[in-house]
């Protein structure tokens, strides 16, 4: 399912226009991004939790030349599914 299909699904399920569903989805995504940018976490009960973790700096290898390179540390988003979502899938 891509974003367009998700918007259509939201519009159908909530009985709203596609434009309103698109605004709602964009607001949700924007809220999650903003919170994660501030190193916060977003918990949606029954669905899961979005968090930010820090990946430490490490050394790697350039596959083309074989030379050792240094990879900078980075913040990465993580999603941990909730119990209700896991139960629904199993």
N, C-alpha and C. Protein backbone atom coordinates (compact mmCIF):
# COMPACT_ATOMS: atom_id res chain seq x y z
N UNK A 1 0.85 -1.18 0.00
CA UNK A 1 0.00 0.00 0.00
C UNK A 1 0.89 1.23 0.00
N UNK A 2 0.63 2.13 -0.93
CA UNK A 2 1.39 3.37 -0.98
C UNK A 2 0.56 4.50 -0.36
N UNK A 3 1.08 5.71 -0.38
CA UNK A 3 0.43 6.83 0.29
C UNK A 3 -0.95 7.13 -0.32
N UNK A 4 -1.05 7.08 -1.64
CA UNK A 4 -2.33 7.35 -2.30
C UNK A 4 -3.38 6.34 -1.91
N UNK A 5 -2.99 5.07 -1.88
CA UNK A 5 -3.93 4.02 -1.48
C UNK A 5 -4.33 4.18 -0.02
N UNK A 6 -3.39 4.59 0.84
CA UNK A 6 -3.70 4.81 2.24
C UNK A 6 -4.68 5.96 2.41
N UNK A 7 -4.49 7.03 1.65
CA UNK A 7 -5.42 8.17 1.70
C UNK A 7 -6.82 7.73 1.27
N UNK A 8 -6.90 6.94 0.21
CA UNK A 8 -8.20 6.44 -0.24
C UNK A 8 -8.86 5.57 0.84
N UNK A 9 -8.07 4.75 1.49
CA UNK A 9 -8.59 3.89 2.56
C UNK A 9 -9.11 4.73 3.73
N UNK A 10 -8.33 5.73 4.14
CA UNK A 10 -8.75 6.61 5.24
C UNK A 10 -10.04 7.33 4.88
N UNK A 11 -10.11 7.86 3.65
CA UNK A 11 -11.30 8.59 3.21
C UNK A 11 -12.53 7.70 3.23
N UNK A 12 -12.37 6.46 2.78
CA UNK A 12 -13.50 5.53 2.76
C UNK A 12 -13.93 5.14 4.17
N UNK A 13 -12.97 4.78 5.01
CA UNK A 13 -13.28 4.32 6.36
C UNK A 13 -13.86 5.43 7.24
N UNK A 14 -13.35 6.65 7.10
CA UNK A 14 -13.79 7.76 7.94
C UNK A 14 -14.93 8.56 7.30
N UNK A 15 -15.32 8.19 6.07
CA UNK A 15 -16.38 8.87 5.35
C UNK A 15 -16.09 10.37 5.22
N UNK A 16 -14.87 10.67 4.78
CA UNK A 16 -14.45 12.05 4.55
C UNK A 16 -13.88 12.14 3.14
N UNK A 17 -13.63 13.36 2.69
CA UNK A 17 -13.08 13.54 1.34
C UNK A 17 -11.61 13.10 1.31
N UNK A 18 -11.14 12.83 0.10
CA UNK A 18 -9.73 12.44 -0.05
C UNK A 18 -8.81 13.59 0.36
N UNK A 19 -9.23 14.83 0.10
CA UNK A 19 -8.41 15.99 0.47
C UNK A 19 -8.27 16.08 1.99
N UNK A 20 -9.37 15.85 2.69
CA UNK A 20 -9.32 15.89 4.16
C UNK A 20 -8.48 14.74 4.69
N UNK A 21 -8.60 13.57 4.08
CA UNK A 21 -7.79 12.42 4.50
C UNK A 21 -6.31 12.68 4.25
N UNK A 22 -5.99 13.32 3.13
CA UNK A 22 -4.59 13.64 2.82
C UNK A 22 -4.04 14.63 3.84
N UNK A 23 -4.84 15.64 4.21
CA UNK A 23 -4.39 16.61 5.22
C UNK A 23 -4.19 15.93 6.57
N UNK A 24 -5.08 15.02 6.92
CA UNK A 24 -4.96 14.30 8.19
C UNK A 24 -3.71 13.44 8.21
N UNK A 25 -3.46 12.73 7.13
CA UNK A 25 -2.26 11.88 7.06
C UNK A 25 -1.00 12.72 7.10
N UNK A 26 -0.98 13.83 6.36
CA UNK A 26 0.18 14.72 6.38
C UNK A 26 0.41 15.32 7.77
N UNK A 27 -0.67 15.64 8.48
CA UNK A 27 -0.54 16.18 9.83
C UNK A 27 0.03 15.12 10.77
N UNK A 28 -0.41 13.88 10.63
CA UNK A 28 0.12 12.79 11.45
C UNK A 28 1.61 12.59 11.19
N UNK A 29 1.98 12.51 9.94
CA UNK A 29 3.39 12.31 9.58
C UNK A 29 4.24 13.49 10.05
N UNK A 30 3.72 14.71 9.88
CA UNK A 30 4.44 15.90 10.33
C UNK A 30 4.64 15.91 11.84
N UNK A 31 3.61 15.50 12.57
CA UNK A 31 3.71 15.45 14.03
C UNK A 31 4.74 14.44 14.49
N UNK A 32 4.76 13.28 13.85
CA UNK A 32 5.75 12.25 14.19
C UNK A 32 7.16 12.76 13.89
N UNK A 33 7.35 13.35 12.72
CA UNK A 33 8.68 13.88 12.34
C UNK A 33 9.17 14.94 13.33
N UNK A 34 8.28 15.87 13.67
CA UNK A 34 8.64 16.95 14.59
C UNK A 34 9.04 16.41 15.95
N UNK A 35 8.26 15.47 16.46
CA UNK A 35 8.56 14.89 17.77
C UNK A 35 9.87 14.12 17.75
N UNK A 36 10.09 13.33 16.70
CA UNK A 36 11.34 12.57 16.60
C UNK A 36 12.54 13.49 16.44
N UNK A 37 12.37 14.60 15.75
CA UNK A 37 13.46 15.58 15.57
C UNK A 37 13.91 16.13 16.92
N UNK A 38 12.95 16.24 17.87
CA UNK A 38 13.26 16.74 19.21
C UNK A 38 13.67 15.60 20.15
N UNK A 39 14.01 14.45 19.59
CA UNK A 39 14.42 13.25 20.34
C UNK A 39 13.32 12.72 21.25
N UNK A 40 12.08 12.98 20.89
CA UNK A 40 10.95 12.45 21.64
C UNK A 40 10.53 11.11 21.07
N UNK A 41 9.45 10.56 21.62
CA UNK A 41 8.90 9.33 21.08
C UNK A 41 7.40 9.51 20.90
N UNK A 42 6.83 8.77 19.96
CA UNK A 42 5.40 8.83 19.68
C UNK A 42 4.83 7.45 19.91
N UNK A 43 3.90 7.34 20.85
CA UNK A 43 3.26 6.06 21.15
C UNK A 43 1.81 6.11 20.71
N UNK A 44 1.42 5.17 19.87
CA UNK A 44 0.04 5.04 19.45
C UNK A 44 -0.45 3.71 20.04
N UNK A 45 -1.31 3.80 21.04
CA UNK A 45 -1.77 2.62 21.76
C UNK A 45 -2.45 1.67 20.77
N UNK A 46 -2.05 0.40 20.83
CA UNK A 46 -2.60 -0.61 19.94
C UNK A 46 -1.86 -0.73 18.63
N UNK A 47 -0.99 0.23 18.34
CA UNK A 47 -0.23 0.19 17.08
C UNK A 47 1.25 0.02 17.32
N UNK A 48 1.88 0.98 18.03
CA UNK A 48 3.30 0.86 18.31
C UNK A 48 3.91 2.18 18.72
N UNK A 49 5.24 2.18 18.81
CA UNK A 49 5.98 3.34 19.28
C UNK A 49 7.10 3.68 18.31
N UNK A 50 7.17 4.96 17.95
CA UNK A 50 8.26 5.47 17.12
C UNK A 50 9.27 6.13 18.07
N UNK A 51 10.54 5.80 17.94
CA UNK A 51 11.59 6.39 18.77
C UNK A 51 12.80 6.73 17.90
N UNK A 52 13.74 7.46 18.50
CA UNK A 52 15.00 7.78 17.83
C UNK A 52 16.12 7.12 18.61
N UNK A 53 17.00 6.44 17.92
CA UNK A 53 18.18 5.88 18.56
C UNK A 53 19.41 6.43 17.86
N UNK A 54 20.53 6.37 18.56
CA UNK A 54 21.77 6.87 18.00
C UNK A 54 22.65 5.70 17.58
N UNK A 55 23.04 5.71 16.32
CA UNK A 55 23.96 4.69 15.83
C UNK A 55 25.37 5.26 15.97
N UNK A 56 26.25 4.56 16.68
CA UNK A 56 27.60 5.11 16.92
C UNK A 56 28.45 5.14 15.65
N UNK A 57 29.48 5.97 15.70
CA UNK A 57 30.43 6.03 14.59
C UNK A 57 31.17 4.70 14.51
N UNK A 58 31.53 4.33 13.30
CA UNK A 58 32.23 3.06 13.12
C UNK A 58 33.09 3.15 11.87
N UNK A 59 33.98 2.19 11.73
CA UNK A 59 34.79 2.16 10.51
C UNK A 59 34.21 1.11 9.57
N UNK A 60 34.30 1.39 8.30
CA UNK A 60 33.79 0.48 7.29
C UNK A 60 34.78 0.36 6.15
N UNK A 61 34.37 -0.28 5.09
CA UNK A 61 35.24 -0.48 3.95
C UNK A 61 34.55 -0.04 2.67
N UNK A 62 35.27 0.69 1.85
CA UNK A 62 34.75 1.06 0.54
C UNK A 62 34.78 -0.19 -0.33
N UNK A 63 33.62 -0.68 -0.77
CA UNK A 63 33.61 -1.92 -1.53
C UNK A 63 34.33 -1.83 -2.88
N UNK A 64 34.41 -0.64 -3.42
CA UNK A 64 35.05 -0.47 -4.72
C UNK A 64 36.57 -0.54 -4.62
N UNK A 65 37.13 0.15 -3.60
CA UNK A 65 38.59 0.22 -3.49
C UNK A 65 39.16 -0.64 -2.38
N UNK A 66 38.31 -1.02 -1.42
CA UNK A 66 38.80 -1.79 -0.29
C UNK A 66 39.42 -0.93 0.80
N UNK A 67 39.44 0.39 0.60
CA UNK A 67 40.02 1.29 1.59
C UNK A 67 39.11 1.42 2.81
N UNK A 68 39.73 1.58 3.98
CA UNK A 68 38.97 1.77 5.21
C UNK A 68 38.44 3.21 5.25
N UNK A 69 37.17 3.36 5.61
CA UNK A 69 36.58 4.68 5.72
C UNK A 69 35.92 4.80 7.09
N UNK A 70 35.73 6.04 7.52
CA UNK A 70 35.07 6.28 8.80
C UNK A 70 33.62 6.68 8.53
N UNK A 71 32.69 5.99 9.18
CA UNK A 71 31.27 6.27 9.04
C UNK A 71 30.83 7.05 10.27
N UNK A 72 30.23 8.23 10.05
CA UNK A 72 29.82 9.10 11.15
C UNK A 72 28.66 8.49 11.93
N UNK A 73 28.53 8.93 13.17
CA UNK A 73 27.38 8.52 13.97
C UNK A 73 26.13 9.17 13.38
N UNK A 74 24.98 8.56 13.63
CA UNK A 74 23.74 9.08 13.07
C UNK A 74 22.57 8.75 13.98
N UNK A 75 21.55 9.60 13.91
CA UNK A 75 20.30 9.32 14.60
C UNK A 75 19.42 8.57 13.60
N UNK A 76 18.80 7.49 14.05
CA UNK A 76 17.94 6.73 13.16
C UNK A 76 16.58 6.48 13.83
N UNK A 77 15.52 6.55 13.04
CA UNK A 77 14.20 6.27 13.60
C UNK A 77 13.98 4.77 13.73
N UNK A 78 13.26 4.38 14.76
CA UNK A 78 12.92 2.98 14.97
C UNK A 78 11.44 2.87 15.27
N UNK A 79 10.86 1.77 14.89
CA UNK A 79 9.45 1.50 15.20
C UNK A 79 9.37 0.19 15.94
N UNK A 80 8.68 0.21 17.08
CA UNK A 80 8.47 -1.02 17.84
C UNK A 80 6.97 -1.29 17.86
N UNK A 81 6.54 -2.37 17.23
CA UNK A 81 5.10 -2.64 17.17
C UNK A 81 4.53 -2.95 18.55
N UNK A 82 3.27 -2.56 18.74
CA UNK A 82 2.58 -2.82 20.00
C UNK A 82 2.01 -4.22 20.04
N UNK A 83 1.57 -4.62 21.22
CA UNK A 83 1.04 -5.97 21.42
C UNK A 83 -0.18 -6.23 20.55
N UNK A 84 -1.08 -5.25 20.46
CA UNK A 84 -2.31 -5.44 19.67
C UNK A 84 -1.98 -5.66 18.19
N UNK A 85 -0.99 -4.95 17.66
CA UNK A 85 -0.60 -5.14 16.26
C UNK A 85 0.03 -6.52 16.05
N UNK A 86 0.88 -6.92 16.97
CA UNK A 86 1.49 -8.25 16.87
C UNK A 86 0.43 -9.34 16.94
N UNK A 87 -0.52 -9.19 17.87
CA UNK A 87 -1.58 -10.18 18.01
C UNK A 87 -2.45 -10.25 16.76
N UNK A 88 -2.71 -9.09 16.15
CA UNK A 88 -3.52 -9.04 14.92
C UNK A 88 -2.84 -9.78 13.76
N UNK A 89 -1.53 -9.68 13.69
CA UNK A 89 -0.79 -10.32 12.60
C UNK A 89 -0.62 -11.83 12.82
N UNK A 90 -0.63 -12.26 14.06
CA UNK A 90 -0.44 -13.68 14.37
C UNK A 90 -1.74 -14.25 14.76
